[in-house]
């Protein structure tokens, strides 16, 4: 039986829209602890604004919001 968790492409889609600590470290050139601090701060802003559910996904931040707040252009 297929569920959302084991459906093909679910993990790759989530990784496409969210950044983890490793990607934040690459963008900002910082250490892992600072990357998680940035992620926590940005997630707190999004949750308080009602734009993100507090539980999902843990330890990641939306890529679009991160780039907007950190003024990173592609």
PDB file of N, CA and C in Angstrom:
ATOM      1  N   UNK A   1       0.836  -1.185   0.000  1.00  0.00           N
ATOM      2  CA  UNK A   1       0.000   0.000   0.000  1.00  0.00           C
ATOM      3  C   UNK A   1       0.878   1.245   0.000  1.00  0.00           C
ATOM      4  N   UNK A   2       0.583   2.141  -0.877  1.00  0.00           N
ATOM      5  CA  UNK A   2       1.362   3.385  -0.942  1.00  0.00           C
ATOM      6  C   UNK A   2       0.745   4.447  -0.053  1.00  0.00           C
ATOM      7  N   UNK A   3       1.602   5.126   0.646  1.00  0.00           N
ATOM      8  CA  UNK A   3       1.176   6.270   1.437  1.00  0.00           C
ATOM      9  C   UNK A   3       1.982   7.462   0.983  1.00  0.00           C
ATOM     10  N   UNK A   4       1.668   8.610   1.512  1.00  0.00           N
ATOM     11  CA  UNK A   4       2.374   9.819   1.112  1.00  0.00           C
ATOM     12  C   UNK A   4       3.855   9.747   1.458  1.00  0.00           C
ATOM     13  N   UNK A   5       4.193   9.096   2.575  1.00  0.00           N
ATOM     14  CA  UNK A   5       5.583   9.033   3.009  1.00  0.00           C
ATOM     15  C   UNK A   5       6.463   8.218   2.072  1.00  0.00           C
ATOM     16  N   UNK A   6       5.912   7.154   1.469  1.00  0.00           N
ATOM     17  CA  UNK A   6       6.746   6.316   0.619  1.00  0.00           C
ATOM     18  C   UNK A   6       6.423   6.457  -0.870  1.00  0.00           C
ATOM     19  N   UNK A   7       5.638   7.447  -1.224  1.00  0.00           N
ATOM     20  CA  UNK A   7       5.321   7.690  -2.631  1.00  0.00           C
ATOM     21  C   UNK A   7       6.557   8.216  -3.353  1.00  0.00           C
ATOM     22  N   UNK A   8       6.759   7.816  -4.591  1.00  0.00           N
ATOM     23  CA  UNK A   8       7.927   8.286  -5.334  1.00  0.00           C
ATOM     24  C   UNK A   8       7.896   9.801  -5.511  1.00  0.00           C
ATOM     25  N   UNK A   9       9.022  10.427  -5.311  1.00  0.00           N
ATOM     26  CA  UNK A   9       9.139  11.862  -5.547  1.00  0.00           C
ATOM     27  C   UNK A   9       8.815  12.749  -4.378  1.00  0.00           C
ATOM     28  N   UNK A  10       8.276  12.210  -3.290  1.00  0.00           N
ATOM     29  CA  UNK A  10       7.900  13.053  -2.152  1.00  0.00           C
ATOM     30  C   UNK A  10       9.140  13.661  -1.506  1.00  0.00           C
ATOM     31  N   UNK A  11      10.167  12.873  -1.283  1.00  0.00           N
ATOM     32  CA  UNK A  11      11.387  13.372  -0.651  1.00  0.00           C
ATOM     33  C   UNK A  11      12.066  14.394  -1.555  1.00  0.00           C
ATOM     34  N   UNK A  12      12.143  14.111  -2.835  1.00  0.00           N
ATOM     35  CA  UNK A  12      12.817  15.038  -3.741  1.00  0.00           C
ATOM     36  C   UNK A  12      12.053  16.344  -3.846  1.00  0.00           C
ATOM     37  N   UNK A  13      10.728  16.319  -3.802  1.00  0.00           N
ATOM     38  CA  UNK A  13       9.949  17.545  -3.846  1.00  0.00           C
ATOM     39  C   UNK A  13      10.168  18.370  -2.582  1.00  0.00           C
ATOM     40  N   UNK A  14      10.209  17.718  -1.423  1.00  0.00           N
ATOM     41  CA  UNK A  14      10.433  18.442  -0.171  1.00  0.00           C
ATOM     42  C   UNK A  14      11.815  19.081  -0.177  1.00  0.00           C
ATOM     43  N   UNK A  15      12.808  18.379  -0.671  1.00  0.00           N
ATOM     44  CA  UNK A  15      14.156  18.925  -0.713  1.00  0.00           C
ATOM     45  C   UNK A  15      14.271  20.062  -1.709  1.00  0.00           C
ATOM     46  N   UNK A  16      13.404  20.100  -2.685  1.00  0.00           N
ATOM     47  CA  UNK A  16      13.439  21.146  -3.692  1.00  0.00           C
ATOM     48  C   UNK A  16      13.012  22.496  -3.101  1.00  0.00           C
ATOM     49  N   UNK A  17      12.072  22.472  -2.155  1.00  0.00           N
ATOM     50  CA  UNK A  17      11.513  23.698  -1.618  1.00  0.00           C
ATOM     51  C   UNK A  17      12.058  24.101  -0.252  1.00  0.00           C
ATOM     52  N   UNK A  18      12.800  23.222   0.395  1.00  0.00           N
ATOM     53  CA  UNK A  18      13.326  23.507   1.725  1.00  0.00           C
ATOM     54  C   UNK A  18      14.840  23.367   1.751  1.00  0.00           C
ATOM     55  N   UNK A  19      15.476  24.150   2.630  1.00  0.00           N
ATOM     56  CA  UNK A  19      16.918  24.076   2.824  1.00  0.00           C
ATOM     57  C   UNK A  19      17.204  23.535   4.212  1.00  0.00           C
ATOM     58  N   UNK A  20      18.203  22.679   4.300  1.00  0.00           N
ATOM     59  CA  UNK A  20      18.667  22.176   5.578  1.00  0.00           C
ATOM     60  C   UNK A  20      19.905  22.951   6.013  1.00  0.00           C
ATOM     61  N   UNK A  21      20.508  22.510   7.088  1.00  0.00           N
ATOM     62  CA  UNK A  21      21.671  23.206   7.636  1.00  0.00           C
ATOM     63  C   UNK A  21      22.851  23.200   6.668  1.00  0.00           C
ATOM     64  N   UNK A  22      23.049  22.112   5.944  1.00  0.00           N
ATOM     65  CA  UNK A  22      24.188  22.028   5.020  1.00  0.00           C
ATOM     66  C   UNK A  22      24.093  23.086   3.925  1.00  0.00           C
ATOM     67  N   UNK A  23      22.885  23.268   3.378  1.00  0.00           N
ATOM     68  CA  UNK A  23      22.709  24.278   2.327  1.00  0.00           C
ATOM     69  C   UNK A  23      22.847  25.691   2.885  1.00  0.00           C
ATOM     70  N   UNK A  24      22.306  25.917   4.084  1.00  0.00           N
ATOM     71  CA  UNK A  24      22.430  27.239   4.718  1.00  0.00           C
ATOM     72  C   UNK A  24      23.907  27.549   4.971  1.00  0.00           C
ATOM     73  N   UNK A  25      24.671  26.540   5.391  1.00  0.00           N
ATOM     74  CA  UNK A  25      26.105  26.725   5.618  1.00  0.00           C
ATOM     75  C   UNK A  25      26.802  27.135   4.326  1.00  0.00           C
ATOM     76  N   UNK A  26      26.427  26.528   3.211  1.00  0.00           N
ATOM     77  CA  UNK A  26      27.038  26.875   1.927  1.00  0.00           C
ATOM     78  C   UNK A  26      26.694  28.293   1.510  1.00  0.00           C
ATOM     79  N   UNK A  27      25.430  28.680   1.651  1.00  0.00           N
ATOM     80  CA  UNK A  27      25.014  30.026   1.257  1.00  0.00           C
ATOM     81  C   UNK A  27      25.674  31.108   2.108  1.00  0.00           C
ATOM     82  N   UNK A  28      25.729  30.883   3.426  1.00  0.00           N
ATOM     83  CA  UNK A  28      26.207  31.918   4.335  1.00  0.00           C
ATOM     84  C   UNK A  28      27.682  31.787   4.698  1.00  0.00           C
ATOM     85  N   UNK A  29      28.279  30.642   4.426  1.00  0.00           N
ATOM     86  CA  UNK A  29      29.674  30.419   4.796  1.00  0.00           C
ATOM     87  C   UNK A  29      29.865  30.410   6.300  1.00  0.00           C
ATOM     88  N   UNK A  30      28.944  29.753   6.998  1.00  0.00           N
ATOM     89  CA  UNK A  30      29.006  29.730   8.460  1.00  0.00           C
ATOM     90  C   UNK A  30      29.130  28.290   8.947  1.00  0.00           C
ATOM     91  N   UNK A  31      29.242  28.145  10.253  1.00  0.00           N
ATOM     92  CA  UNK A  31      29.329  26.819  10.860  1.00  0.00           C
ATOM     93  C   UNK A  31      27.928  26.249  11.070  1.00  0.00           C
ATOM     94  N   UNK A  32      27.886  24.957  11.380  1.00  0.00           N
ATOM     95  CA  UNK A  32      26.620  24.257  11.515  1.00  0.00           C
ATOM     96  C   UNK A  32      25.741  24.843  12.630  1.00  0.00           C
ATOM     97  N   UNK A  33      26.330  25.192  13.746  1.00  0.00           N
ATOM     98  CA  UNK A  33      25.533  25.727  14.852  1.00  0.00           C
ATOM     99  C   UNK A  33      24.870  27.050  14.464  1.00  0.00           C
ATOM    100  N   UNK A  34      25.571  27.888  13.736  1.00  0.00           N
ATOM    101  CA  UNK A  34      25.005  29.165  13.281  1.00  0.00           C
ATOM    102  C   UNK A  34      23.906  28.917  12.244  1.00  0.00           C
ATOM    103  N   UNK A  35      24.099  27.928  11.380  1.00  0.00           N
ATOM    104  CA  UNK A  35      23.085  27.600  10.379  1.00  0.00           C
ATOM    105  C   UNK A  35      21.783  27.186  11.059  1.00  0.00           C
ATOM    106  N   UNK A  36      21.883  26.345  12.085  1.00  0.00           N
ATOM    107  CA  UNK A  36      20.673  25.939  12.802  1.00  0.00           C
ATOM    108  C   UNK A  36      20.047  27.115  13.547  1.00  0.00           C
ATOM    109  N   UNK A  37      20.851  28.016  14.034  1.00  0.00           N
ATOM    110  CA  UNK A  37      20.331  29.218  14.702  1.00  0.00           C
ATOM    111  C   UNK A  37      19.532  30.065  13.710  1.00  0.00           C
ATOM    112  N   UNK A  38      20.056  30.228  12.505  1.00  0.00           N
ATOM    113  CA  UNK A  38      19.360  30.985  11.460  1.00  0.00           C
ATOM    114  C   UNK A  38      18.051  30.288  11.099  1.00  0.00           C
ATOM    115  N   UNK A  39      18.098  28.977  10.928  1.00  0.00           N
ATOM    116  CA  UNK A  39      16.896  28.210  10.591  1.00  0.00           C
ATOM    117  C   UNK A  39      15.838  28.366  11.679  1.00  0.00           C
ATOM    118  N   UNK A  40      16.235  28.254  12.932  1.00  0.00           N
ATOM    119  CA  UNK A  40      15.279  28.412  14.040  1.00  0.00           C
ATOM    120  C   UNK A  40      14.648  29.797  14.034  1.00  0.00           C
ATOM    121  N   UNK A  41      15.449  30.816  13.805  1.00  0.00           N
ATOM    122  CA  UNK A  41      14.926  32.178  13.785  1.00  0.00           C
ATOM    123  C   UNK A  41      13.943  32.409  12.650  1.00  0.00           C
ATOM    124  N   UNK A  42      14.282  31.940  11.464  1.00  0.00           N
ATOM    125  CA  UNK A  42      13.398  32.123  10.314  1.00  0.00           C
ATOM    126  C   UNK A  42      12.109  31.323  10.480  1.00  0.00           C
ATOM    127  N   UNK A  43      12.229  30.100  11.003  1.00  0.00           N
ATOM    128  CA  UNK A  43      11.028  29.287  11.234  1.00  0.00           C
ATOM    129  C   UNK A  43      10.120  29.943  12.271  1.00  0.00           C
ATOM    130  N   UNK A  44      10.715  30.547  13.297  1.00  0.00           N
ATOM    131  CA  UNK A  44       9.926  31.213  14.329  1.00  0.00           C
ATOM    132  C   UNK A  44       9.133  32.377  13.724  1.00  0.00           C
ATOM    133  N   UNK A  45       9.775  33.129  12.821  1.00  0.00           N
ATOM    134  CA  UNK A  45       9.086  34.229  12.135  1.00  0.00           C
ATOM    135  C   UNK A  45       7.906  33.707  11.319  1.00  0.00           C
ATOM    136  N   UNK A  46       8.125  32.632  10.584  1.00  0.00           N
ATOM    137  CA  UNK A  46       7.076  32.072   9.734  1.00  0.00           C
ATOM    138  C   UNK A  46       5.920  31.503  10.551  1.00  0.00           C
ATOM    139  N   UNK A  47       6.233  30.831  11.651  1.00  0.00           N
ATOM    140  CA  UNK A  47       5.189  30.253  12.491  1.00  0.00           C
ATOM    141  C   UNK A  47       4.366  31.359  13.140  1.00  0.00           C
ATOM    142  N   UNK A  48       5.016  32.394  13.636  1.00  0.00           N
ATOM    143  CA  UNK A  48       4.283  33.484  14.293  1.00  0.00           C
ATOM    144  C   UNK A  48       3.419  34.258  13.303  1.00  0.00           C
ATOM    145  N   UNK A  49       3.830  34.286  12.032  1.00  0.00           N
ATOM    146  CA  UNK A  49       3.040  34.952  11.003  1.00  0.00           C
ATOM    147  C   UNK A  49       1.943  34.037  10.460  1.00  0.00           C
ATOM    148  N   UNK A  50       1.938  32.772  10.882  1.00  0.00           N
ATOM    149  CA  UNK A  50       0.931  31.826  10.435  1.00  0.00           C
ATOM    150  C   UNK A  50       1.184  31.278   9.044  1.00  0.00           C
ATOM    151  N   UNK A  51       2.400  31.387   8.569  1.00  0.00           N
ATOM    152  CA  UNK A  51       2.729  30.934   7.217  1.00  0.00           C
ATOM    153  C   UNK A  51       3.361  29.546   7.188  1.00  0.00           C
ATOM    154  N   UNK A  52       3.630  28.968   8.358  1.00  0.00           N
ATOM    155  CA  UNK A  52       4.262  27.655   8.423  1.00  0.00           C
ATOM    156  C   UNK A  52       3.735  26.918   9.639  1.00  0.00           C
ATOM    157  N   UNK A  53       3.436  25.638   9.449  1.00  0.00           N
ATOM    158  CA  UNK A  53       3.004  24.798  10.563  1.00  0.00           C
ATOM    159  C   UNK A  53       4.232  24.484  11.413  1.00  0.00           C
ATOM    160  N   UNK A  54       4.151  24.615  12.733  1.00  0.00           N
ATOM    161  CA  UNK A  54       5.341  24.481  13.580  1.00  0.00           C
ATOM    162  C   UNK A  54       6.059  23.140  13.527  1.00  0.00           C
ATOM    163  N   UNK A  55       5.381  22.045  13.220  1.00  0.00           N
ATOM    164  CA  UNK A  55       6.012  20.740  13.303  1.00  0.00           C
ATOM    165  C   UNK A  55       6.696  20.244  12.044  1.00  0.00           C
ATOM    166  N   UNK A  56       6.321  20.768  10.905  1.00  0.00           N
ATOM    167  CA  UNK A  56       6.815  20.189   9.653  1.00  0.00           C
ATOM    168  C   UNK A  56       7.494  21.226   8.780  1.00  0.00           C
ATOM    169  N   UNK A  57       8.486  20.907   8.052  1.00  0.00           N
ATOM    170  CA  UNK A  57       9.481  19.870   8.309  1.00  0.00           C
ATOM    171  C   UNK A  57      10.495  20.372   9.316  1.00  0.00           C
ATOM    172  N   UNK A  58      10.949  19.529  10.183  1.00  0.00           N
ATOM    173  CA  UNK A  58      11.884  19.901  11.241  1.00  0.00           C
ATOM    174  C   UNK A  58      13.273  20.191  10.683  1.00  0.00           C
ATOM    175  N   UNK A  59      13.924  21.218  11.181  1.00  0.00           N
ATOM    176  CA  UNK A  59      15.308  21.511  10.821  1.00  0.00           C
ATOM    177  C   UNK A  59      15.493  22.024   9.419  1.00  0.00           C
ATOM    178  N   UNK A  60      14.429  22.518   8.795  1.00  0.00           N
ATOM    179  CA  UNK A  60      14.522  23.052   7.443  1.00  0.00           C
ATOM    180  C   UNK A  60      13.768  24.362   7.376  1.00  0.00           C
ATOM    181  N   UNK A  61      14.116  25.169   6.386  1.00  0.00           N
ATOM    182  CA  UNK A  61      13.461  26.449   6.172  1.00  0.00           C
ATOM    183  C   UNK A  61      13.103  26.542   4.691  1.00  0.00           C
ATOM    184  N   UNK A  62      11.956  27.150   4.356  1.00  0.00           N
ATOM    185  CA  UNK A  62      11.615  27.293   2.944  1.00  0.00           C
ATOM    186  C   UNK A  62      12.694  28.073   2.184  1.00  0.00           C
ATOM    187  N   UNK A  63      13.110  27.525   1.054  1.00  0.00           N
ATOM    188  CA  UNK A  63      14.196  28.099   0.266  1.00  0.00           C
ATOM    189  C   UNK A  63      13.869  29.534  -0.167  1.00  0.00           C
ATOM    190  N   UNK A  64      12.664  29.767  -0.633  1.00  0.00           N
ATOM    191  CA  UNK A  64      12.267  31.092  -1.116  1.00  0.00           C
ATOM    192  C   UNK A  64      12.345  32.139   0.004  1.00  0.00           C
ATOM    193  N   UNK A  65      11.834  31.790   1.180  1.00  0.00           N
ATOM    194  CA  UNK A  65      11.850  32.720   2.302  1.00  0.00           C
ATOM    195  C   UNK A  65      13.278  32.989   2.776  1.00  0.00           C
ATOM    196  N   UNK A  66      14.096  31.949   2.830  1.00  0.00           N
ATOM    197  CA  UNK A  66      15.491  32.105   3.239  1.00  0.00           C
ATOM    198  C   UNK A  66      16.221  33.082   2.317  1.00  0.00           C
ATOM    199  N   UNK A  67      16.079  32.872   1.014  1.00  0.00           N
ATOM    200  CA  UNK A  67      16.774  33.743   0.058  1.00  0.00           C
ATOM    201  C   UNK A  67      16.249  35.175   0.116  1.00  0.00           C
ATOM    202  N   UNK A  68      14.956  35.321   0.342  1.00  0.00           N
ATOM    203  CA  UNK A  68      14.375  36.653   0.465  1.00  0.00           C
ATOM    204  C   UNK A  68      14.918  37.395   1.688  1.00  0.00           C
ATOM    205  N   UNK A  69      14.929  36.715   2.843  1.00  0.00           N
ATOM    206  CA  UNK A  69      15.373  37.347   4.083  1.00  0.00           C
ATOM    207  C   UNK A  69      16.871  37.598   4.126  1.00  0.00           C
ATOM    208  N   UNK A  70      17.645  36.737   3.473  1.00  0.00           N
ATOM    209  CA  UNK A  70      19.107  36.882   3.472  1.00  0.00           C
ATOM    210  C   UNK A  70      19.603  37.651   2.254  1.00  0.00           C
ATOM    211  N   UNK A  71      18.656  38.141   1.447  1.00  0.00           N
ATOM    212  CA  UNK A  71      18.971  38.944   0.254  1.00  0.00           C
ATOM    213  C   UNK A  71      19.943  38.218  -0.672  1.00  0.00           C
ATOM    214  N   UNK A  72      19.607  36.969  -0.997  1.00  0.00           N
ATOM    215  CA  UNK A  72      20.410  36.166  -1.907  1.00  0.00           C
ATOM    216  C   UNK A  72      19.668  36.052  -3.222  1.00  0.00           C
ATOM    217  N   UNK A  73      20.328  36.419  -4.302  1.00  0.00           N
ATOM    218  CA  UNK A  73      19.722  36.334  -5.628  1.00  0.00           C
ATOM    219  C   UNK A  73      20.346  35.196  -6.402  1.00  0.00           C
ATOM    220  N   UNK A  74      19.538  34.540  -7.209  1.00  0.00           N
ATOM    221  CA  UNK A  74      20.057  33.455  -8.049  1.00  0.00           C
ATOM    222  C   UNK A  74      20.684  34.005  -9.312  1.00  0.00           C
TER     223      UNK A  74
END
